[in-house]
Each structure stands twice: as structure tokens, then as C-alpha cells.
Amino acid sequence: MRHKRSDFPKDFLFGTATSSYQIEGHGFGGAGRTQWDDFAATPGNVVRFENGARACDHYHRYEEDLDLVSTAGFDCYRFSLSWARVMPEGRGPVNAEGLDFYDRLTDAMLDRGIKPCATLYHWELPSPLLDMGGWRNRDIAEWFADYTEVVMSRIGDRMFSVAPINEPWCVAWLSHFEGHHAPGLRDIRAAARAMHHVLLAHGRAIETMRGLGMGNLGGVFNFEWADPADDSAEARKAADRYDAIYNRWFLGGVFKGEYPALALEGLEPHLPTGWQDDFPTIQAPLDWCGLNYYTRKLIAPAGQPWPDYRDVEGPLPKTFMDWEIFPDGLYNFLTRTAREYTGDLPLFVTENGMASPDLLTGTNVDDPDRSAYLDAHLDSVKRAIAEGVPLNGYFIWSLLDNYEWALGYEKRFGLVHVDFDTLVRTPKASYHALAHALKS
């Protein structure tokens, strides 16, 4: 890699990230059933009908995996906790074995000098809560606050940072309007309510953790840069509408106490009564803001009812996910977020990375495209810092090849190759390149 640690500010943090259902093995340790178990059990939803019952078996192999984090020279490890592992019914009884696992995991990070950066929810909603409406039900904000109190009363004293919910757009829109993720709905009313309730739950979790005396609390949002597919006014309007729904809705709610007009034009009729009164909770003050960024989309009108947009294949090189590689989008979001939403609040790139085929040859995995991708996006990071953006860290997705949701085990984002038959871990060339860069 072209970059090295000394190219960045002295206190700049480097980390890597994972999520619970994607790596732990949800069939272990008394974990309850989740909406992803149900979604995967429904034919046609997930490639090869695969699920996270075993995943990478991180539940039993976490010491080995944390050794990989430490050996690479990362400062931080961003991990998530499974609501259903801690509270199998989503409410009520606590699974002591689940809490004990996260207690051990936390101590193992600290033993290695790794800063624990927790995410409370990365999409594995307990099935009993889905039976009660899930994210469509306003009560989920209080259920989530109760879960937050249970788990952070146990490990919160040792966290470096905590964010309540990973990528609320995926939790709400991708899963309730587009139907690509669990629970697999295509319902504008469900989507509108999920879009609001996910932010209400975020705010209640922040309030709960403040009540426990915790600090360094943030929000993690995902972003896709939207450019119009052509020079027409219609394409510009479609791209702006995509931007409003995907990028501006969540930042607007948390940092401005308002939703963008281009999103409200379709969603407002379906929002719950009194939604405007929830902004004081949604705006619970944060200590930092996290940005997950991978790609851009070229957007054109679809000739359909609202939201009336579709994405058009772009001309740039693409990852194995068929996502365009567009590092300028990361720079654009870092500068725009600071300028329009967060001001002097510290920012973190909480996810950035790429999928590639990553074939194991002997004991080697050569993945030069991943190193080039990371270098190009670190260029954008340095450019934003040079222009005064208060960016304090950069996390790579992901440590391990893992369960890539509806795409099963087909798409590999990891710095470390996982053989899903034997579960053997093999650090890729990009891992070794990063280790050298982080120690330089």
C-alpha cells in the first residue's frame, strides 16, 4: 500500500469491523431465533438457502480472530452484539451465556490493547419482536432501550465507543420497502414507520446509555453518492430524491430535527401520528458521527409512482458486488456531512471496503484490487482532513470473509480468507500490506 500510519494525524485511529450474525454462529450459546433465520429459511431469499447458524464460528474462535486484529496493528475493533443472543425473546429473560460471551470478548480485546467499539444492533431482530410488528411498532424504541440497559450495564464500563444501530437505511428502507433484507417487506407504510422508529430507538438507546454514565456515543449511517444518469432535469430530481431517502433522512432527523421534503412527499402520509413530537428524543446529543461508504449510483427516472427512480449501470471499475469504485464519494460525504450537519463533531469512517473473488492458492490469497481500493479511499480521507474535516478514524470492512446476508457466503469482503468448510483463517495479501502500513 502507498499509505502508512505516519501519513495521518498522530491520534488518528485505524480499525476493522465485523457484525455478530455474520461471524459468530447463531446456533451456539443459547441465542434466540432472529428475523434472519426466518428470512433465510424462506426459499428464494438467500443464495443457496444459507444462514448464519455456524457462520465463521467466531463464538468459539474469537481469541484467534482478535489475535489477527492485534497482529495487524489495528487500534480498534468495531463489533456488534446480538439482541437475540442476549435476550432470546427480545424482552424479558436474559440469556446469561450470551452476556458472558460479550464479557469475555470485551476482556479479550482489552488484554490485547484493542479499543472495543460496540454496535448494539446489526439487523438480527429477535423473531418474537417481529411477531409484534418489529420496526413497524413504536414500542420497539422502549424494547431497544431495555436491551441497551441490560447489555451496557454489563460491559458499558469497558467500551471505548458505542453506537446504537448500524445503517438505519438498511434496517428500514432496504428491508421494508425494497424487500431485499429481512423481514423482506415491500410496503410503503411499513417502510415509513420503520424509517421513523429506527431513529426513535436510536435516541432512546443514547438516552439510556447517558443514564448509565457512558460517553463517546455516536451514530453510524450508511451513504451512497447519487449522481444523475444524464443531464436532464428529471434525472437530477430523481438523484436528489434518492439522496434524500438514502442519505439525508437519517442525518436530518438526528442533527437537524427534520426530514427532507423530497422524502416526506412520499412518506409523510404513512408516518405515525405525532411523529414530529419525537425529534427531541431522536436528537439526543452525540459525541461523534460514523459514515459507512462503499459506492455511488447513477440515477434516472423510472416512469413509476413515487419514489420514481432506478439505478443505471455506471462506467467505472466495479467490485465483486458490481458496485462502482468511486473514492470521490467518500470525500464528498465527509465534507458535506461536516459542512451541513455535524460541524465540529468528530467523524469516523466506520466502514469502507470491497468484495473480490479472493481465491486461495496454496496458503496465499492475492488481492491487489483490495489494497488499491483502500489506498484510493485513504486518499479521500487525507484530502478531507487537509481541508479541515474533523475526521478521527477509519475502519475497514471486514476482518473476516463472512455471511453476506442475502448473498450468503459468496461475496468476500474480508482481510482474512475463511474456508467455510474447514473454517481455517488465511490472512490475505491486503492484510499483510495493511499490517506493514500500520506499523510504519
Protein backbone atom coordinates (compact mmCIF):
# COMPACT_ATOMS: atom_id res chain seq x y z
CA MET A 1 0.00 0.00 0.00
CA ARG A 2 1.07 3.58 -0.68
CA HIS A 3 -0.10 4.87 2.68
CA LYS A 4 1.36 4.35 6.12
CA ARG A 5 0.30 5.33 9.62
CA SER A 6 2.68 8.27 9.78
CA ASP A 7 0.81 9.91 6.86
CA PHE A 8 -2.11 10.61 9.23
CA PRO A 9 -2.54 12.71 12.37
CA LYS A 10 -0.82 11.32 15.46
CA ASP A 11 -4.03 10.32 17.25
CA PHE A 12 -5.84 9.03 14.14
CA LEU A 13 -7.36 5.58 14.81
CA PHE A 14 -7.37 2.61 12.48
CA GLY A 15 -9.74 -0.27 12.99
CA THR A 16 -11.57 -3.15 11.38
CA ALA A 17 -15.21 -4.17 11.73
CA THR A 18 -17.49 -7.21 11.85
CA SER A 19 -21.07 -7.97 12.90
CA SER A 20 -22.50 -10.60 15.19
CA TYR A 21 -24.84 -12.62 12.96
CA GLN A 22 -22.34 -12.57 10.10
CA ILE A 23 -19.50 -14.21 12.03
CA GLU A 24 -20.45 -15.61 15.44
CA GLY A 25 -22.53 -18.65 14.62
CA HIS A 26 -26.04 -18.02 15.84
CA GLY A 27 -26.68 -21.67 16.55
CA PHE A 28 -24.43 -21.53 19.60
CA GLY A 29 -24.71 -20.26 23.15
CA GLY A 30 -28.45 -20.14 23.71
CA ALA A 31 -29.16 -17.41 21.16
CA GLY A 32 -32.81 -16.92 20.24
CA ARG A 33 -34.30 -17.06 16.78
CA THR A 34 -33.95 -13.96 14.61
CA GLN A 35 -35.69 -12.49 11.58
CA TRP A 36 -32.64 -13.51 9.53
CA ASP A 37 -33.12 -17.16 10.48
CA ASP A 38 -36.70 -16.86 9.23
CA PHE A 39 -35.79 -14.92 6.09
CA ALA A 40 -33.07 -17.44 5.18
CA ALA A 41 -35.45 -20.35 5.73
CA THR A 42 -37.78 -18.95 3.07
CA PRO A 43 -36.72 -20.27 -0.38
CA GLY A 44 -35.61 -17.60 -2.81
CA ASN A 45 -34.42 -15.05 -0.26
CA VAL A 46 -30.78 -16.08 0.26
CA VAL A 47 -28.27 -17.60 -2.16
CA ARG A 48 -28.17 -21.39 -1.68
CA PHE A 49 -30.56 -21.01 1.30
CA GLU A 50 -27.55 -20.24 3.54
CA ASN A 51 -27.87 -18.86 7.06
CA GLY A 52 -25.74 -17.73 9.99
CA ALA A 53 -26.14 -20.80 12.20
CA ARG A 54 -22.40 -21.52 12.06
CA ALA A 55 -21.00 -18.59 10.05
CA CYS A 56 -17.30 -18.20 10.94
CA ASP A 57 -17.73 -19.83 14.38
CA HIS A 58 -16.34 -16.67 15.96
CA TYR A 59 -18.26 -17.67 19.09
CA HIS A 60 -15.62 -20.33 19.74
CA ARG A 61 -12.70 -18.82 17.80
CA TYR A 62 -12.81 -15.21 19.00
CA GLU A 63 -9.36 -15.39 20.62
CA GLU A 64 -7.81 -16.41 17.30
CA ASP A 65 -9.71 -13.67 15.50
CA LEU A 66 -8.70 -10.98 17.97
CA ASP A 67 -5.08 -12.11 17.58
CA LEU A 68 -5.50 -11.26 13.89
CA VAL A 69 -6.77 -7.78 14.80
CA SER A 70 -3.85 -7.23 17.14
CA THR A 71 -1.17 -8.65 14.85
CA ALA A 72 -2.29 -6.35 12.03
CA GLY A 73 -1.67 -3.33 14.28
CA PHE A 74 -5.26 -2.08 14.43
CA ASP A 75 -6.11 0.27 17.28
CA CYS A 76 -9.82 -0.54 17.40
CA TYR A 77 -12.23 -3.38 16.74
CA ARG A 78 -15.79 -2.47 15.81
CA PHE A 79 -18.05 -5.39 16.69
CA SER A 80 -21.78 -5.78 17.18
CA LEU A 81 -23.86 -7.54 19.79
CA SER A 82 -26.78 -9.82 19.01
CA TRP A 83 -30.03 -8.74 20.66
CA ALA A 84 -31.36 -12.29 20.39
CA ARG A 85 -28.20 -13.75 21.97
CA VAL A 86 -28.61 -11.51 25.00
CA MET A 87 -32.43 -11.62 25.21
CA PRO A 88 -33.78 -14.58 23.19
CA GLU A 89 -37.36 -13.28 23.31
CA GLY A 90 -36.28 -9.70 22.69
CA ARG A 91 -37.84 -8.78 26.04
CA GLY A 92 -37.82 -10.25 29.50
CA PRO A 93 -35.46 -13.12 30.34
CA VAL A 94 -31.73 -12.61 29.81
CA ASN A 95 -29.51 -15.38 28.44
CA ALA A 96 -26.59 -15.40 30.88
CA GLU A 97 -24.44 -17.38 28.45
CA GLY A 98 -24.85 -14.64 25.84
CA LEU A 99 -23.89 -11.85 28.23
CA ASP A 100 -20.93 -13.91 29.42
CA PHE A 101 -19.71 -14.26 25.84
CA TYR A 102 -19.65 -10.50 25.27
CA ASP A 103 -17.99 -10.04 28.67
CA ARG A 104 -15.19 -12.44 27.65
CA LEU A 105 -14.94 -10.85 24.21
CA THR A 106 -14.53 -7.39 25.75
CA ASP A 107 -11.83 -8.51 28.15
CA ALA A 108 -10.01 -10.33 25.36
CA MET A 109 -9.88 -7.08 23.35
CA LEU A 110 -8.55 -5.14 26.31
CA ASP A 111 -5.97 -7.83 27.03
CA ARG A 112 -4.58 -7.23 23.53
CA GLY A 113 -4.64 -3.44 23.77
CA ILE A 114 -7.58 -3.18 21.34
CA LYS A 115 -10.21 -0.48 21.87
CA PRO A 116 -13.72 -2.05 21.95
CA CYS A 117 -16.13 -0.17 19.67
CA ALA A 118 -19.59 -1.68 20.08
CA THR A 119 -22.69 -1.55 17.91
CA LEU A 120 -25.87 -2.60 19.69
CA TYR A 121 -27.82 -3.70 16.61
CA HIS A 122 -26.74 -5.01 13.22
CA TRP A 123 -30.05 -6.34 11.87
CA GLU A 124 -30.65 -9.56 13.83
CA LEU A 125 -34.06 -8.67 15.29
CA PRO A 126 -35.43 -11.36 17.62
CA SER A 127 -38.27 -13.19 15.87
CA PRO A 128 -40.74 -12.74 18.76
CA LEU A 129 -40.44 -8.96 18.30
CA LEU A 130 -41.07 -9.32 14.58
CA ASP A 131 -44.24 -11.19 15.52
CA MET A 132 -45.28 -8.00 17.36
CA GLY A 133 -44.62 -5.77 14.36
CA GLY A 134 -40.88 -5.28 14.70
CA TRP A 135 -39.72 -1.89 13.46
CA ARG A 136 -43.30 -1.00 12.46
CA ASN A 137 -44.30 -0.96 16.13
CA ARG A 138 -43.49 2.20 18.10
CA ASP A 139 -42.94 0.09 21.21
CA ILE A 140 -39.67 -1.14 19.68
CA ALA A 141 -37.99 2.05 20.90
CA GLU A 142 -38.61 1.02 24.51
CA TRP A 143 -37.77 -2.64 23.86
CA PHE A 144 -34.47 -1.48 22.40
CA ALA A 145 -33.81 0.84 25.34
CA ASP A 146 -34.38 -2.05 27.75
CA TYR A 147 -31.97 -4.27 25.79
CA THR A 148 -29.44 -1.44 25.76
CA GLU A 149 -29.63 -1.14 29.54
CA VAL A 150 -29.19 -4.88 30.07
CA VAL A 151 -26.11 -5.25 27.90
CA MET A 152 -24.40 -1.96 28.69
CA SER A 153 -24.94 -2.40 32.42
CA ARG A 154 -22.68 -5.41 31.99
CA ILE A 155 -19.97 -4.23 29.58
CA GLY A 156 -20.51 -0.49 29.14
CA ASP A 157 -17.78 0.45 31.62
CA ARG A 158 -15.16 -1.04 29.27
CA MET A 159 -16.32 0.29 25.91
CA PHE A 160 -14.22 2.81 24.02
CA SER A 161 -17.27 3.83 21.96
CA VAL A 162 -20.83 2.67 21.32
CA ALA A 163 -23.33 3.27 18.50
CA PRO A 164 -26.92 2.02 18.80
CA ILE A 165 -27.83 0.94 15.26
CA ASN A 166 -25.77 0.11 12.19
CA GLU A 167 -27.04 1.55 8.90
CA PRO A 168 -30.64 2.59 9.61
CA TRP A 169 -31.37 2.83 5.86
CA CYS A 170 -30.80 -0.92 5.60
CA VAL A 171 -32.87 -1.60 8.72
CA ALA A 172 -35.80 0.42 7.38
CA TRP A 173 -35.84 1.04 3.63
CA LEU A 174 -33.92 -1.90 2.16
CA SER A 175 -35.84 -4.32 4.39
CA HIS A 176 -39.34 -2.81 4.41
CA PHE A 177 -39.68 -1.04 1.04
CA GLU A 178 -37.33 -2.89 -1.32
CA GLY A 179 -37.68 -6.24 0.47
CA HIS A 180 -34.10 -7.38 -0.12
CA HIS A 181 -33.28 -7.96 3.57
CA ALA A 182 -35.24 -9.38 6.47
CA PRO A 183 -38.13 -9.14 7.09
CA GLY A 184 -38.46 -8.87 3.30
CA LEU A 185 -41.41 -6.48 3.08
CA ARG A 186 -42.38 -4.26 0.14
CA ASP A 187 -44.77 -1.91 1.88
CA ILE A 188 -44.52 1.89 1.92
CA ARG A 189 -46.44 2.21 5.18
CA ALA A 190 -44.15 -0.29 6.90
CA ALA A 191 -41.11 1.46 5.46
CA ALA A 192 -42.19 4.92 6.62
CA ARG A 193 -42.81 3.71 10.15
CA ALA A 194 -39.54 1.79 10.25
CA MET A 195 -37.69 4.87 8.94
CA HIS A 196 -39.02 6.84 11.91
CA HIS A 197 -38.96 4.21 14.64
CA VAL A 198 -35.36 3.22 13.95
CA LEU A 199 -34.32 6.80 14.77
CA LEU A 200 -36.58 6.91 17.81
CA ALA A 201 -34.93 3.70 19.06
CA HIS A 202 -31.52 5.20 18.36
CA GLY A 203 -32.38 8.21 20.50
CA ARG A 204 -33.78 6.12 23.36
CA ALA A 205 -30.62 4.00 23.40
CA ILE A 206 -28.45 7.13 23.60
CA GLU A 207 -30.59 8.44 26.48
CA THR A 208 -30.32 5.08 28.25
CA MET A 209 -26.53 4.96 27.96
CA ARG A 210 -26.23 8.57 29.16
CA GLY A 211 -28.27 7.48 32.16
CA LEU A 212 -25.66 4.80 32.84
CA GLY A 213 -22.95 7.49 32.82
CA MET A 214 -21.48 6.42 29.50
CA GLY A 215 -19.73 8.67 26.98
CA ASN A 216 -18.23 8.56 23.49
CA LEU A 217 -21.60 7.63 21.99
CA GLY A 218 -22.28 8.05 18.28
CA GLY A 219 -24.48 7.18 15.34
CA VAL A 220 -23.48 5.11 12.30
CA PHE A 221 -25.15 5.88 8.97
CA ASN A 222 -24.62 4.41 5.51
CA PHE A 223 -24.23 6.53 2.40
CA GLU A 224 -24.34 6.12 -1.37
CA TRP A 225 -23.40 9.04 -3.56
CA ALA A 226 -26.16 9.71 -6.13
CA ASP A 227 -25.35 11.29 -9.49
CA PRO A 228 -27.93 11.81 -12.24
CA ALA A 229 -27.57 9.35 -15.11
CA ASP A 230 -27.82 12.16 -17.69
CA ASP A 231 -28.13 15.94 -17.94
CA SER A 232 -31.92 16.06 -17.80
CA ALA A 233 -33.82 17.87 -15.07
CA GLU A 234 -35.79 14.67 -14.47
CA ALA A 235 -32.64 12.66 -13.75
CA ARG A 236 -31.38 15.40 -11.41
CA LYS A 237 -34.66 15.33 -9.49
CA ALA A 238 -34.57 11.53 -9.26
CA ALA A 239 -30.99 11.61 -7.94
CA ASP A 240 -31.93 14.26 -5.39
CA ARG A 241 -34.88 12.14 -4.25
CA TYR A 242 -32.61 9.10 -3.88
CA ASP A 243 -30.18 11.24 -1.88
CA ALA A 244 -32.98 12.48 0.37
CA ILE A 245 -34.23 8.99 1.22
CA TYR A 246 -30.88 7.24 1.47
CA ASN A 247 -28.55 9.87 2.92
CA ARG A 248 -30.35 12.95 4.22
CA TRP A 249 -33.33 11.43 6.07
CA PHE A 250 -31.29 9.97 8.93
CA LEU A 251 -28.76 12.79 9.29
CA GLY A 252 -31.58 15.30 9.07
CA GLY A 253 -33.54 13.60 11.82
CA VAL A 254 -30.62 13.26 14.21
CA PHE A 255 -28.77 16.52 13.61
CA LYS A 256 -31.49 18.94 12.43
CA GLY A 257 -34.72 17.59 13.88
CA GLU A 258 -36.34 17.45 10.45
CA TYR A 259 -36.81 15.16 7.47
CA PRO A 260 -36.06 16.27 3.89
CA ALA A 261 -39.02 17.48 1.83
CA LEU A 262 -38.21 15.22 -1.14
CA ALA A 263 -38.58 12.18 1.13
CA LEU A 264 -41.62 13.47 3.01
CA GLU A 265 -43.52 13.96 -0.25
CA GLY A 266 -43.94 10.19 -0.41
CA LEU A 267 -43.52 9.07 3.21
CA GLU A 268 -45.39 11.67 5.26
CA PRO A 269 -48.88 10.21 4.64
CA HIS A 270 -47.63 6.92 6.13
CA LEU A 271 -45.76 8.23 9.17
CA PRO A 272 -47.24 7.56 12.62
CA THR A 273 -49.42 10.21 14.22
CA GLY A 274 -47.40 12.76 16.17
CA TRP A 275 -44.09 11.86 14.54
CA GLN A 276 -42.92 15.48 14.72
CA ASP A 277 -43.01 15.31 18.51
CA ASP A 278 -40.29 12.65 18.63
CA PHE A 279 -37.40 14.82 17.41
CA PRO A 280 -36.24 15.85 20.91
CA THR A 281 -35.54 12.16 21.57
CA ILE A 282 -34.16 11.46 18.10
CA GLN A 283 -31.79 14.41 18.55
CA ALA A 284 -30.21 13.08 21.74
CA PRO A 285 -26.72 14.67 21.55
CA LEU A 286 -23.92 12.55 20.08
CA ASP A 287 -20.16 12.62 20.63
CA TRP A 288 -19.30 11.53 17.08
CA CYS A 289 -20.82 10.51 13.76
CA GLY A 290 -19.85 7.43 11.74
CA LEU A 291 -20.04 7.12 7.94
CA ASN A 292 -20.21 3.79 6.12
CA TYR A 293 -19.34 4.25 2.45
CA TYR A 294 -18.78 1.88 -0.47
CA THR A 295 -20.04 3.20 -3.79
CA ARG A 296 -22.15 5.60 -5.86
CA LYS A 297 -25.22 5.11 -8.03
CA LEU A 298 -26.22 6.72 -11.32
CA ILE A 299 -29.91 7.52 -11.00
CA ALA A 300 -32.60 8.00 -13.65
CA PRO A 301 -36.40 8.34 -13.54
CA ALA A 302 -38.21 5.01 -13.57
CA GLY A 303 -41.54 6.12 -15.03
CA GLN A 304 -43.30 4.78 -11.93
CA PRO A 305 -45.11 6.23 -8.91
CA TRP A 306 -43.06 7.78 -6.10
CA PRO A 307 -40.13 7.49 -5.45
CA ASP A 308 -39.73 7.14 -9.24
CA TYR A 309 -36.04 6.34 -9.58
CA ARG A 310 -33.89 3.50 -10.83
CA ASP A 311 -30.16 2.99 -10.94
CA VAL A 312 -28.29 2.76 -14.24
CA GLU A 313 -25.06 0.83 -14.73
CA GLY A 314 -22.11 3.19 -14.47
CA PRO A 315 -18.85 3.22 -16.44
CA LEU A 316 -16.36 2.92 -13.58
CA PRO A 317 -14.49 -0.25 -12.50
CA LYS A 318 -16.60 -2.37 -10.16
CA THR A 319 -16.12 -4.63 -7.18
CA PHE A 320 -17.34 -8.24 -6.98
CA MET A 321 -20.64 -6.78 -5.68
CA ASP A 322 -20.90 -4.95 -9.04
CA TRP A 323 -20.55 -1.67 -7.15
CA GLU A 324 -18.72 1.19 -8.83
CA ILE A 325 -15.41 2.19 -7.25
CA PHE A 326 -15.83 5.92 -6.64
CA PRO A 327 -13.48 7.23 -3.91
CA ASP A 328 -14.57 10.83 -4.53
CA GLY A 329 -17.90 9.91 -2.98
CA LEU A 330 -16.23 9.37 0.39
CA TYR A 331 -14.58 12.79 0.19
CA ASN A 332 -17.90 14.32 -0.86
CA PHE A 333 -19.76 12.85 2.10
CA LEU A 334 -17.10 13.70 4.66
CA THR A 335 -17.02 17.33 3.61
CA ARG A 336 -20.80 17.65 3.13
CA THR A 337 -21.62 15.98 6.45
CA ALA A 338 -19.31 18.31 8.37
CA ARG A 339 -20.47 21.35 6.44
CA GLU A 340 -24.24 20.76 6.54
CA TYR A 341 -24.93 18.54 9.56
CA THR A 342 -22.24 17.92 12.18
CA GLY A 343 -19.92 20.95 12.24
CA ASP A 344 -17.01 20.36 14.63
CA LEU A 345 -18.31 16.97 15.82
CA PRO A 346 -15.68 14.23 15.31
CA LEU A 347 -16.32 11.97 12.31
CA PHE A 348 -15.23 8.39 11.70
CA VAL A 349 -15.30 6.30 8.55
CA THR A 350 -16.90 3.33 10.30
CA GLU A 351 -16.97 1.04 7.24
CA ASN A 352 -15.16 1.03 3.91
CA GLY A 353 -14.01 -1.96 1.87
CA MET A 354 -14.71 -4.16 -1.12
CA ALA A 355 -15.67 -7.66 -2.16
CA SER A 356 -13.46 -9.56 -4.59
CA PRO A 357 -13.26 -13.24 -5.69
CA ASP A 358 -10.22 -13.91 -3.43
CA LEU A 359 -9.10 -17.37 -4.47
CA LEU A 360 -6.93 -19.34 -2.07
CA THR A 361 -3.82 -20.67 -3.85
CA GLY A 362 -1.83 -22.89 -1.52
CA THR A 363 -1.53 -20.72 1.57
CA ASN A 364 -1.84 -17.38 -0.23
CA VAL A 365 -4.67 -15.10 -1.29
CA ASP A 366 -3.51 -12.38 -3.65
CA ASP A 367 -5.98 -9.48 -3.62
CA PRO A 368 -4.24 -6.43 -5.12
CA ASP A 369 -7.56 -4.82 -6.06
CA ARG A 370 -8.49 -4.55 -2.37
CA SER A 371 -5.22 -2.84 -1.46
CA ALA A 372 -5.72 -0.44 -4.38
CA TYR A 373 -9.31 0.25 -3.27
CA LEU A 374 -8.21 1.05 0.27
CA ASP A 375 -5.37 3.25 -0.95
CA ALA A 376 -7.72 5.22 -3.19
CA HIS A 377 -10.21 5.80 -0.37
CA LEU A 378 -7.45 6.74 2.06
CA ASP A 379 -6.52 9.42 -0.49
CA SER A 380 -10.03 10.82 0.01
CA VAL A 381 -9.62 10.59 3.78
CA LYS A 382 -6.36 12.56 3.67
CA ARG A 383 -7.88 15.13 1.32
CA ALA A 384 -10.81 15.70 3.69
CA ILE A 385 -8.51 16.02 6.71
CA ALA A 386 -6.34 18.52 4.83
CA GLU A 387 -9.46 20.64 4.27
CA GLY A 388 -10.28 20.71 7.96
CA VAL A 389 -12.83 17.91 8.31
CA PRO A 390 -12.57 16.64 11.94
CA LEU A 391 -12.03 13.02 10.92
CA ASN A 392 -10.62 10.90 13.74
CA GLY A 393 -10.51 7.34 12.39
CA TYR A 394 -11.01 4.81 9.60
CA PHE A 395 -12.42 1.27 9.92
CA ILE A 396 -12.12 -1.39 7.21
CA TRP A 397 -14.96 -3.77 6.44
CA SER A 398 -14.28 -6.50 7.17
CA LEU A 399 -11.86 -8.51 9.27
CA LEU A 400 -13.19 -11.85 8.00
CA ASP A 401 -14.97 -13.24 4.98
CA ASN A 402 -18.44 -13.84 6.38
CA TYR A 403 -22.16 -14.33 5.85
CA GLU A 404 -23.04 -11.59 3.39
CA TRP A 405 -26.76 -11.58 4.18
CA ALA A 406 -28.96 -12.34 1.14
CA LEU A 407 -25.82 -13.19 -0.84
CA GLY A 408 -24.85 -15.98 1.55
CA TYR A 409 -21.16 -16.88 1.68
CA GLU A 410 -20.48 -15.93 -1.93
CA LYS A 411 -19.12 -12.38 -1.58
CA ARG A 412 -15.83 -11.97 0.28
CA PHE A 413 -15.09 -8.63 1.97
CA GLY A 414 -12.52 -9.90 4.45
CA LEU A 415 -8.90 -9.02 5.00
CA VAL A 416 -8.72 -12.64 6.15
CA HIS A 417 -9.90 -15.51 3.96
CA VAL A 418 -12.21 -18.04 5.64
CA ASP A 419 -12.64 -21.55 4.27
CA PHE A 420 -16.31 -22.10 5.11
CA ASP A 421 -15.86 -25.88 5.16
CA THR A 422 -12.85 -26.09 7.48
CA LEU A 423 -13.13 -22.56 8.99
CA VAL A 424 -9.37 -22.10 8.54
CA ARG A 425 -8.36 -18.43 8.51
CA THR A 426 -5.75 -17.27 5.98
CA PRO A 427 -4.66 -13.61 6.01
CA LYS A 428 -4.78 -12.16 2.50
CA ALA A 429 -2.10 -10.05 0.83
CA SER A 430 -4.12 -6.93 1.73
CA TYR A 431 -3.95 -7.91 5.42
CA HIS A 432 -0.17 -8.17 5.25
CA ALA A 433 0.07 -4.89 3.33
CA LEU A 434 -2.06 -3.15 5.96
CA ALA A 435 -0.05 -4.62 8.81
CA HIS A 436 3.10 -3.22 7.24
CA ALA A 437 1.44 0.17 6.68
CA LEU A 438 0.08 0.40 10.23
CA LYS A 439 3.46 -0.40 11.74
CA SER A 440 5.31 2.11 9.52
